[in-house]
Amino acid sequence: MPNTYSQIYIQVVFATKGRETLIEDKNRQEIEKYITGILTNKGQKLIAVYANPDHLHLFFSYKNLKITIPELVKIIKSESTKFINDKRLSFGKFAWQESYGAFSYAKSQKDAVTQYILNQKNHHQKRSFREEYLDFLEKFDINYDEKYLFEFYDKLE
């Protein structure tokens, strides 16, 4: 019987509502583990995750093609929001912004992307999230309208 095979590497980036710094470092790993479970339960293979105080990076092998990336992101956001609020892992009421970025990579880039995500804490000491995200859009040649980007409150540089 024929089968379908695929190997697609995807990085997804999304931000907290209002870009508030709602994810405390002491709760970061618990949130990451929960999101890992969501991806695993949806038939995906997580490679790297990092929950910054105001945004999240996921890098996974997109294996279950029966679920679209928008459906998957919606599930991750809604289930993790409920988990964070139920467990009170955030200051006040937690929510993610509606938008997200999804970027594809070749197998040869897997290690570099993984290290990039796992090194987020150091990375953001040198670069703002706005700079990082705009760089993704430019590197991937994505046309965008500023008014439809994440809610960025840091100054334009």
N, C-alpha and C. Protein backbone atom coordinates (compact mmCIF):
# COMPACT_ATOMS: atom_id res chain seq x y z
N MET A 1 0.84 -1.18 0.00
CA MET A 1 0.00 0.00 0.00
C MET A 1 0.89 1.24 0.00
N PRO A 2 0.68 2.19 -0.91
CA PRO A 2 1.50 3.40 -0.99
C PRO A 2 1.30 4.28 0.26
N ASN A 3 2.32 5.06 0.54
CA ASN A 3 2.27 5.95 1.68
C ASN A 3 2.73 7.33 1.26
N THR A 4 2.45 8.33 2.07
CA THR A 4 2.90 9.69 1.82
C THR A 4 4.05 10.00 2.76
N TYR A 5 5.12 10.54 2.20
CA TYR A 5 6.30 10.87 2.99
C TYR A 5 6.63 12.35 2.82
N SER A 6 7.06 12.96 3.89
CA SER A 6 7.45 14.37 3.81
C SER A 6 8.49 14.68 4.87
N GLN A 7 9.24 15.73 4.64
CA GLN A 7 10.18 16.25 5.62
C GLN A 7 10.20 17.76 5.43
N ILE A 8 9.48 18.45 6.28
CA ILE A 8 9.34 19.90 6.18
C ILE A 8 9.67 20.50 7.54
N TYR A 9 10.63 21.41 7.57
CA TYR A 9 11.01 22.07 8.81
C TYR A 9 10.40 23.46 8.85
N ILE A 10 9.68 23.76 9.93
CA ILE A 10 8.97 25.02 10.06
C ILE A 10 9.34 25.70 11.38
N GLN A 11 9.61 27.00 11.29
CA GLN A 11 9.75 27.82 12.49
C GLN A 11 8.52 28.72 12.56
N VAL A 12 7.88 28.74 13.72
CA VAL A 12 6.73 29.61 13.95
C VAL A 12 7.10 30.58 15.06
N VAL A 13 6.73 31.83 14.86
CA VAL A 13 7.00 32.88 15.83
C VAL A 13 5.69 33.61 16.10
N PHE A 14 5.34 33.76 17.38
CA PHE A 14 4.19 34.59 17.71
C PHE A 14 4.43 35.28 19.04
N ALA A 15 3.64 36.34 19.29
CA ALA A 15 3.88 37.23 20.43
C ALA A 15 2.70 37.23 21.39
N THR A 16 3.00 37.66 22.61
CA THR A 16 1.94 37.83 23.61
C THR A 16 1.07 39.02 23.21
N LYS A 17 -0.16 38.99 23.65
CA LYS A 17 -1.08 40.10 23.36
C LYS A 17 -0.51 41.38 23.95
N GLY A 18 -0.50 42.43 23.13
CA GLY A 18 0.04 43.70 23.59
C GLY A 18 1.54 43.69 23.78
N ARG A 19 2.18 42.59 23.36
CA ARG A 19 3.62 42.40 23.54
C ARG A 19 4.04 42.61 24.98
N GLU A 20 3.13 42.28 25.89
CA GLU A 20 3.45 42.38 27.31
C GLU A 20 4.42 41.28 27.70
N THR A 21 5.29 41.59 28.64
CA THR A 21 6.25 40.59 29.13
C THR A 21 5.55 39.74 30.19
N LEU A 22 4.81 38.74 29.72
CA LEU A 22 3.96 37.93 30.59
C LEU A 22 4.56 36.59 30.98
N ILE A 23 5.60 36.16 30.29
CA ILE A 23 6.18 34.85 30.58
C ILE A 23 7.42 35.04 31.44
N GLU A 24 7.29 34.65 32.69
CA GLU A 24 8.41 34.76 33.62
C GLU A 24 9.39 33.61 33.38
N ASP A 25 10.66 33.89 33.57
CA ASP A 25 11.68 32.87 33.35
C ASP A 25 11.44 31.63 34.21
N LYS A 26 10.95 31.81 35.42
CA LYS A 26 10.72 30.67 36.32
C LYS A 26 9.63 29.73 35.79
N ASN A 27 8.76 30.21 34.88
CA ASN A 27 7.68 29.40 34.32
C ASN A 27 7.93 28.97 32.88
N ARG A 28 9.02 29.46 32.31
CA ARG A 28 9.31 29.24 30.90
C ARG A 28 9.34 27.75 30.54
N GLN A 29 10.09 26.95 31.28
CA GLN A 29 10.23 25.53 30.94
C GLN A 29 8.91 24.77 31.05
N GLU A 30 8.10 25.11 32.03
CA GLU A 30 6.81 24.43 32.16
C GLU A 30 5.91 24.74 30.96
N ILE A 31 5.93 25.97 30.51
CA ILE A 31 5.15 26.37 29.33
C ILE A 31 5.70 25.67 28.09
N GLU A 32 7.01 25.63 27.95
CA GLU A 32 7.62 24.96 26.80
C GLU A 32 7.28 23.47 26.78
N LYS A 33 7.30 22.82 27.93
CA LYS A 33 6.95 21.39 28.00
C LYS A 33 5.51 21.16 27.59
N TYR A 34 4.62 22.04 28.02
CA TYR A 34 3.22 21.90 27.66
C TYR A 34 3.03 22.04 26.15
N ILE A 35 3.68 23.04 25.57
CA ILE A 35 3.58 23.25 24.12
C ILE A 35 4.20 22.07 23.36
N THR A 36 5.27 21.50 23.89
CA THR A 36 5.85 20.29 23.30
C THR A 36 4.81 19.18 23.25
N GLY A 37 4.07 19.01 24.33
CA GLY A 37 3.02 18.00 24.38
C GLY A 37 1.93 18.24 23.36
N ILE A 38 1.55 19.49 23.17
CA ILE A 38 0.53 19.82 22.17
C ILE A 38 1.01 19.38 20.78
N LEU A 39 2.23 19.76 20.44
CA LEU A 39 2.77 19.40 19.12
C LEU A 39 2.86 17.88 18.96
N THR A 40 3.35 17.20 19.96
CA THR A 40 3.47 15.74 19.92
C THR A 40 2.10 15.10 19.71
N ASN A 41 1.10 15.57 20.46
CA ASN A 41 -0.25 15.03 20.34
C ASN A 41 -0.87 15.29 18.97
N LYS A 42 -0.37 16.27 18.27
CA LYS A 42 -0.87 16.58 16.92
C LYS A 42 0.00 15.94 15.84
N GLY A 43 0.87 15.03 16.23
CA GLY A 43 1.66 14.27 15.26
C GLY A 43 2.86 14.99 14.69
N GLN A 44 3.30 16.05 15.36
CA GLN A 44 4.46 16.81 14.91
C GLN A 44 5.65 16.47 15.80
N LYS A 45 6.85 16.76 15.30
CA LYS A 45 8.06 16.50 16.08
C LYS A 45 8.74 17.82 16.40
N LEU A 46 8.70 18.22 17.67
CA LEU A 46 9.35 19.46 18.09
C LEU A 46 10.86 19.29 18.07
N ILE A 47 11.53 20.29 17.54
CA ILE A 47 12.99 20.29 17.51
C ILE A 47 13.52 21.29 18.54
N ALA A 48 12.91 22.47 18.60
CA ALA A 48 13.34 23.49 19.57
C ALA A 48 12.17 24.42 19.88
N VAL A 49 12.15 24.89 21.11
CA VAL A 49 11.16 25.87 21.54
C VAL A 49 11.83 26.81 22.53
N TYR A 50 11.46 28.09 22.46
CA TYR A 50 11.94 29.03 23.46
C TYR A 50 10.87 30.07 23.70
N ALA A 51 10.43 30.17 24.95
CA ALA A 51 9.42 31.14 25.35
C ALA A 51 10.11 32.35 25.94
N ASN A 52 10.22 33.40 25.16
CA ASN A 52 10.73 34.68 25.65
C ASN A 52 9.63 35.34 26.49
N PRO A 53 9.96 36.37 27.25
CA PRO A 53 8.92 37.02 28.06
C PRO A 53 7.73 37.55 27.23
N ASP A 54 7.98 37.94 25.97
CA ASP A 54 6.91 38.53 25.16
C ASP A 54 6.68 37.86 23.80
N HIS A 55 7.38 36.80 23.50
CA HIS A 55 7.14 36.08 22.25
C HIS A 55 7.73 34.67 22.33
N LEU A 56 7.33 33.83 21.37
CA LEU A 56 7.72 32.43 21.39
C LEU A 56 8.23 31.99 20.02
N HIS A 57 9.26 31.15 20.04
CA HIS A 57 9.78 30.52 18.83
C HIS A 57 9.57 29.02 18.94
N LEU A 58 9.02 28.43 17.88
CA LEU A 58 8.87 26.97 17.78
C LEU A 58 9.57 26.53 16.51
N PHE A 59 10.28 25.44 16.57
CA PHE A 59 10.88 24.86 15.37
C PHE A 59 10.53 23.38 15.40
N PHE A 60 9.85 22.93 14.37
CA PHE A 60 9.38 21.55 14.37
C PHE A 60 9.41 20.94 12.99
N SER A 61 9.40 19.63 12.98
CA SER A 61 9.30 18.86 11.75
C SER A 61 7.81 18.65 11.50
N TYR A 62 7.32 19.23 10.44
CA TYR A 62 5.91 19.19 10.08
C TYR A 62 5.63 17.85 9.42
N LYS A 63 5.12 16.91 10.20
CA LYS A 63 4.95 15.53 9.75
C LYS A 63 3.50 15.16 9.47
N ASN A 64 2.58 15.63 10.31
CA ASN A 64 1.17 15.31 10.13
C ASN A 64 0.55 16.36 9.21
N LEU A 65 0.49 16.04 7.93
CA LEU A 65 0.01 17.00 6.94
C LEU A 65 -1.50 17.10 6.90
N LYS A 66 -2.18 16.31 7.73
CA LYS A 66 -3.64 16.36 7.79
C LYS A 66 -4.13 17.58 8.56
N ILE A 67 -3.24 18.22 9.28
CA ILE A 67 -3.57 19.45 9.99
C ILE A 67 -2.76 20.58 9.36
N THR A 68 -3.42 21.67 9.02
CA THR A 68 -2.71 22.78 8.39
C THR A 68 -1.92 23.56 9.44
N ILE A 69 -0.96 24.31 8.98
CA ILE A 69 -0.17 25.13 9.90
C ILE A 69 -1.06 26.15 10.62
N PRO A 70 -1.98 26.85 9.93
CA PRO A 70 -2.86 27.76 10.68
C PRO A 70 -3.70 27.05 11.75
N GLU A 71 -4.20 25.86 11.45
CA GLU A 71 -4.97 25.10 12.45
C GLU A 71 -4.07 24.74 13.63
N LEU A 72 -2.87 24.29 13.33
CA LEU A 72 -1.93 23.89 14.38
C LEU A 72 -1.58 25.07 15.28
N VAL A 73 -1.28 26.22 14.69
CA VAL A 73 -0.93 27.41 15.47
C VAL A 73 -2.11 27.82 16.34
N LYS A 74 -3.31 27.77 15.79
CA LYS A 74 -4.51 28.13 16.56
C LYS A 74 -4.67 27.21 17.77
N ILE A 75 -4.45 25.92 17.58
CA ILE A 75 -4.55 24.96 18.68
C ILE A 75 -3.47 25.23 19.73
N ILE A 76 -2.24 25.44 19.28
CA ILE A 76 -1.14 25.72 20.21
C ILE A 76 -1.46 26.95 21.05
N LYS A 77 -1.90 28.02 20.38
CA LYS A 77 -2.20 29.25 21.10
C LYS A 77 -3.36 29.08 22.08
N SER A 78 -4.45 28.48 21.63
CA SER A 78 -5.62 28.37 22.51
C SER A 78 -5.36 27.43 23.69
N GLU A 79 -4.75 26.27 23.42
CA GLU A 79 -4.50 25.32 24.52
C GLU A 79 -3.45 25.84 25.50
N SER A 80 -2.41 26.49 24.98
CA SER A 80 -1.38 27.02 25.89
C SER A 80 -1.91 28.21 26.68
N THR A 81 -2.76 29.02 26.07
CA THR A 81 -3.37 30.14 26.80
C THR A 81 -4.18 29.62 27.98
N LYS A 82 -5.01 28.62 27.72
CA LYS A 82 -5.84 28.04 28.80
C LYS A 82 -4.94 27.47 29.90
N PHE A 83 -3.90 26.74 29.51
CA PHE A 83 -2.97 26.15 30.48
C PHE A 83 -2.30 27.24 31.33
N ILE A 84 -1.78 28.27 30.69
CA ILE A 84 -1.09 29.34 31.40
C ILE A 84 -2.04 30.05 32.36
N ASN A 85 -3.25 30.33 31.91
CA ASN A 85 -4.22 31.01 32.78
C ASN A 85 -4.70 30.10 33.91
N ASP A 86 -5.00 28.83 33.59
CA ASP A 86 -5.47 27.90 34.63
C ASP A 86 -4.42 27.68 35.71
N LYS A 87 -3.15 27.60 35.31
CA LYS A 87 -2.06 27.36 36.26
C LYS A 87 -1.49 28.66 36.85
N ARG A 88 -2.02 29.79 36.36
CA ARG A 88 -1.56 31.11 36.81
C ARG A 88 -0.06 31.28 36.66
N LEU A 89 0.41 30.98 35.45
CA LEU A 89 1.84 31.06 35.16
C LEU A 89 2.24 32.41 34.56
N SER A 90 1.37 33.38 34.68
CA SER A 90 1.62 34.68 34.08
C SER A 90 1.08 35.77 35.00
N PHE A 91 1.63 36.98 34.83
CA PHE A 91 1.07 38.15 35.51
C PHE A 91 -0.27 38.45 34.85
N GLY A 92 -1.35 38.49 35.61
CA GLY A 92 -2.64 38.85 35.04
C GLY A 92 -3.15 37.84 34.02
N LYS A 93 -4.09 38.28 33.19
CA LYS A 93 -4.69 37.41 32.18
C LYS A 93 -3.76 37.29 30.98
N PHE A 94 -3.46 36.05 30.61
CA PHE A 94 -2.54 35.78 29.51
C PHE A 94 -3.30 35.57 28.20
N ALA A 95 -2.71 36.06 27.11
CA ALA A 95 -3.24 35.80 25.76
C ALA A 95 -2.13 36.03 24.74
N TRP A 96 -2.25 35.34 23.61
CA TRP A 96 -1.34 35.55 22.48
C TRP A 96 -1.99 36.50 21.49
N GLN A 97 -1.17 37.23 20.72
CA GLN A 97 -1.70 38.02 19.61
C GLN A 97 -2.23 37.07 18.54
N GLU A 98 -3.12 37.55 17.70
CA GLU A 98 -3.70 36.72 16.65
C GLU A 98 -2.69 36.32 15.59
N SER A 99 -1.80 37.20 15.24
CA SER A 99 -0.90 36.95 14.11
C SER A 99 0.27 36.04 14.49
N TYR A 100 0.97 35.58 13.46
CA TYR A 100 2.17 34.76 13.65
C TYR A 100 2.97 34.78 12.36
N GLY A 101 4.21 34.35 12.45
CA GLY A 101 5.04 34.15 11.27
C GLY A 101 5.42 32.68 11.19
N ALA A 102 5.43 32.15 9.98
CA ALA A 102 5.85 30.76 9.76
C ALA A 102 6.88 30.76 8.64
N PHE A 103 8.01 30.13 8.89
CA PHE A 103 9.14 30.15 7.97
C PHE A 103 9.66 28.74 7.76
N SER A 104 9.95 28.37 6.52
CA SER A 104 10.41 27.02 6.22
C SER A 104 11.93 26.99 6.03
N TYR A 105 12.50 25.84 6.36
CA TYR A 105 13.95 25.67 6.28
C TYR A 105 14.31 24.34 5.64
N ALA A 106 15.51 24.29 5.10
CA ALA A 106 16.06 23.04 4.55
C ALA A 106 16.69 22.23 5.68
N LYS A 107 16.84 20.94 5.45
CA LYS A 107 17.47 20.07 6.44
C LYS A 107 18.87 20.57 6.80
N SER A 108 19.58 21.11 5.84
CA SER A 108 20.94 21.60 6.08
C SER A 108 20.96 22.79 7.05
N GLN A 109 19.83 23.44 7.27
CA GLN A 109 19.75 24.59 8.17
C GLN A 109 19.26 24.21 9.57
N LYS A 110 18.90 22.96 9.75
CA LYS A 110 18.27 22.49 10.99
C LYS A 110 19.10 22.83 12.23
N ASP A 111 20.37 22.51 12.24
CA ASP A 111 21.21 22.76 13.42
C ASP A 111 21.35 24.25 13.72
N ALA A 112 21.53 25.05 12.68
CA ALA A 112 21.68 26.50 12.89
C ALA A 112 20.41 27.12 13.44
N VAL A 113 19.25 26.71 12.93
CA VAL A 113 17.98 27.25 13.42
C VAL A 113 17.76 26.81 14.87
N THR A 114 18.05 25.55 15.16
CA THR A 114 17.91 25.04 16.52
C THR A 114 18.75 25.86 17.49
N GLN A 115 20.01 26.08 17.16
CA GLN A 115 20.89 26.87 18.03
C GLN A 115 20.41 28.31 18.17
N TYR A 116 19.92 28.87 17.08
CA TYR A 116 19.39 30.23 17.11
C TYR A 116 18.24 30.34 18.12
N ILE A 117 17.32 29.39 18.08
CA ILE A 117 16.17 29.41 18.97
C ILE A 117 16.59 29.17 20.42
N LEU A 118 17.45 28.21 20.64
CA LEU A 118 17.88 27.90 22.01
C LEU A 118 18.74 29.01 22.61
N ASN A 119 19.27 29.89 21.77
CA ASN A 119 20.12 30.99 22.23
C ASN A 119 19.35 32.32 22.29
N GLN A 120 18.03 32.25 22.39
CA GLN A 120 17.21 33.46 22.37
C GLN A 120 17.55 34.45 23.49
N LYS A 121 17.80 33.95 24.66
CA LYS A 121 18.07 34.86 25.79
C LYS A 121 19.26 35.77 25.48
N ASN A 122 20.33 35.20 25.00
CA ASN A 122 21.52 36.00 24.64
C ASN A 122 21.25 36.85 23.40
N HIS A 123 20.56 36.29 22.46
CA HIS A 123 20.27 36.99 21.21
C HIS A 123 19.53 38.31 21.47
N HIS A 124 18.55 38.27 22.37
CA HIS A 124 17.74 39.46 22.61
C HIS A 124 18.39 40.47 23.54
N GLN A 125 19.58 40.19 24.00
CA GLN A 125 20.34 41.21 24.70
C GLN A 125 20.96 42.17 23.70
N LYS A 126 21.05 41.73 22.43
CA LYS A 126 21.68 42.54 21.39
C LYS A 126 20.68 43.09 20.37
N ARG A 127 19.54 42.41 20.21
CA ARG A 127 18.56 42.78 19.19
C ARG A 127 17.15 42.73 19.74
N SER A 128 16.34 43.69 19.34
CA SER A 128 14.95 43.69 19.77
C SER A 128 14.15 42.66 18.98
N PHE A 129 13.00 42.31 19.50
CA PHE A 129 12.11 41.38 18.79
C PHE A 129 11.67 42.00 17.47
N ARG A 130 11.41 43.29 17.45
CA ARG A 130 11.01 43.97 16.21
C ARG A 130 12.09 43.80 15.14
N GLU A 131 13.35 44.07 15.51
CA GLU A 131 14.45 43.91 14.55
C GLU A 131 14.54 42.47 14.06
N GLU A 132 14.41 41.55 14.99
CA GLU A 132 14.49 40.12 14.64
C GLU A 132 13.39 39.75 13.65
N TYR A 133 12.16 40.14 13.95
CA TYR A 133 11.03 39.74 13.12
C TYR A 133 11.08 40.39 11.73
N LEU A 134 11.42 41.66 11.68
CA LEU A 134 11.55 42.33 10.38
C LEU A 134 12.66 41.69 9.54
N ASP A 135 13.71 41.25 10.20
CA ASP A 135 14.80 40.55 9.52
C ASP A 135 14.30 39.24 8.91
N PHE A 136 13.46 38.49 9.64
CA PHE A 136 12.86 37.27 9.09
C PHE A 136 12.07 37.59 7.83
N LEU A 137 11.23 38.61 7.91
CA LEU A 137 10.39 38.96 6.76
C LEU A 137 11.23 39.34 5.54
N GLU A 138 12.31 40.06 5.78
CA GLU A 138 13.19 40.45 4.68
C GLU A 138 13.96 39.26 4.12
N LYS A 139 14.53 38.42 5.00
CA LYS A 139 15.30 37.25 4.54
C LYS A 139 14.44 36.29 3.74
N PHE A 140 13.17 36.17 4.10
CA PHE A 140 12.28 35.25 3.41
C PHE A 140 11.50 35.94 2.29
N ASP A 141 11.88 37.20 2.00
CA ASP A 141 11.30 37.95 0.89
C ASP A 141 9.77 38.00 0.98
N ILE A 142 9.28 38.36 2.17
CA ILE A 142 7.85 38.44 2.42
C ILE A 142 7.41 39.90 2.36
N ASN A 143 6.48 40.18 1.46
CA ASN A 143 5.90 41.52 1.40
C ASN A 143 4.95 41.68 2.58
N TYR A 144 5.04 42.80 3.26
CA TYR A 144 4.20 43.01 4.43
C TYR A 144 3.80 44.46 4.54
N ASP A 145 2.74 44.69 5.26
CA ASP A 145 2.25 46.02 5.57
C ASP A 145 2.45 46.23 7.06
N GLU A 146 3.15 47.29 7.43
CA GLU A 146 3.47 47.57 8.85
C GLU A 146 2.24 47.51 9.74
N LYS A 147 1.09 47.95 9.23
CA LYS A 147 -0.10 48.01 10.09
C LYS A 147 -0.64 46.62 10.44
N TYR A 148 -0.15 45.58 9.74
CA TYR A 148 -0.61 44.23 10.02
C TYR A 148 0.43 43.37 10.73
N LEU A 149 1.48 43.99 11.22
CA LEU A 149 2.49 43.27 11.97
C LEU A 149 2.08 43.15 13.43
N PHE A 150 2.89 42.46 14.21
CA PHE A 150 2.66 42.39 15.65
C PHE A 150 2.55 43.80 16.21
N GLU A 151 1.95 43.91 17.37
CA GLU A 151 1.91 45.18 18.07
C GLU A 151 3.31 45.43 18.63
N PHE A 152 4.05 46.30 17.96
CA PHE A 152 5.39 46.63 18.42
C PHE A 152 5.34 47.96 19.15
N TYR A 153 5.84 47.99 20.36
CA TYR A 153 5.82 49.22 21.13
C TYR A 153 7.20 49.82 21.32
N ASP A 154 8.23 49.11 20.88
CA ASP A 154 9.56 49.68 20.99
C ASP A 154 9.74 50.68 19.85
N LYS A 155 10.69 51.56 20.00
CA LYS A 155 10.93 52.62 19.02
C LYS A 155 11.47 52.04 17.73
N LEU A 156 11.09 52.67 16.63
CA LEU A 156 11.69 52.31 15.34
C LEU A 156 13.13 52.80 15.35
N GLU A 157 14.00 51.98 14.81
CA GLU A 157 15.41 52.37 14.80
C GLU A 157 15.92 52.43 13.40
